[in-house]
């Protein structure tokens, strides 16, 4: 019987509550949100499940030790006291990631990583006269050292590569949207697969793929080749396949349309390739269309969600570009809920529509807004009169 332990799922700014909800829905216990992370309890099987299924998590960390720490030498000594052979052996490769938020440490995170690496290597050398090797690219064990004021948490990274690397994307355009960001935006929009979905500037198709996986309840990381925990000493392959099978049984079929447009033929080719890699061809249609010359061709309520080019990606007149977005939506897309992300707050003024929501999010280091516009079937006035 697997016993429960505490874990931490990291995420992007603004997605903490989405992740907490995802964890609760999966069956996590004792869920607590923090900044860019959510802690929870579960057993080994749940750790596997969280890695396979969570859409808004970046990593699932398993804390193994917490202690007070005063300075670099103190950290070294306390790391030497951990029984590292529980987690790796002398022939294992490892890597260290460190985050430091403390006035006690004047050195940077890189130095803390090196100090931690020395402690673990010296532990094995003192005990076995041999030290394990560091492998930054494909280690057997990824270790995280997090120092907050005088408290240090040492965790094992059960994910390995960041969970945004879903395994379906081989073709990308310039500055493709991160998969975790795409999934988080779809969830923030409230889309669940109960209406049509359009990404009118779809690029390499990431938003469409994440939307289709949400609509059909397909686990986010089902296409990944491996997770960090598969190299752990206590990895249970039978348990992993049992968990994976139970998640696959919960897939459902959404019968609404999911469509992507792009004016660049190269983007259309890339998007189709990624959709094929994700095994979602039956759910997603990609079309070579310039959004500004388009009209809504599906009936009923539709969610429109896109990531228009902005900043360095936009080599056009910003004012004209955003005005065209507003005009196209106003004239061609009635009965739609429209969402898009932008870092250009000034440009939003030119859309010429009133936002019904503005949610602060981050795209990498960029401060962005995720904005919503409600497009009615007739005029807003007519809609109100209808309801009276």
Foldseek 3Di string as FASTA:
>chain_A
DFDKAKKKFFFFAPCQVVQLVVCVVLPWAPWATDGRMIMTMDTPLVLLLCLFFGQGTFFIKGWDDKDFAQELVRLLVVLLPDPCVQWPAQAFAEFEFEAEDEPSYPDHRVVSRVSSQVSQQVSRCVVPVGGYHYDPQQTLWYWYWYYHHGMIIIITTFFRGTSLPQQLAPDFDPPDFGLSVLLSLCVVLVQQLAAEEEAAAQQLNSNLLSSQCRNFQPGRNPNDPDGSNCSTPPDDVVSSVVSNVVSVVSGHDRDYAYEYEHQDPVRLVNNVSSCVSSVNVVRYYYYNDNLLPDADDDDAEYEYEYEDDDDPRDPDDLLVVLCSQLVSCQPGPANYKYKYKDLDPVSPVSSPADWPDWRWGDRVPGTMTITIGHHHPDDPVVVVVVVD
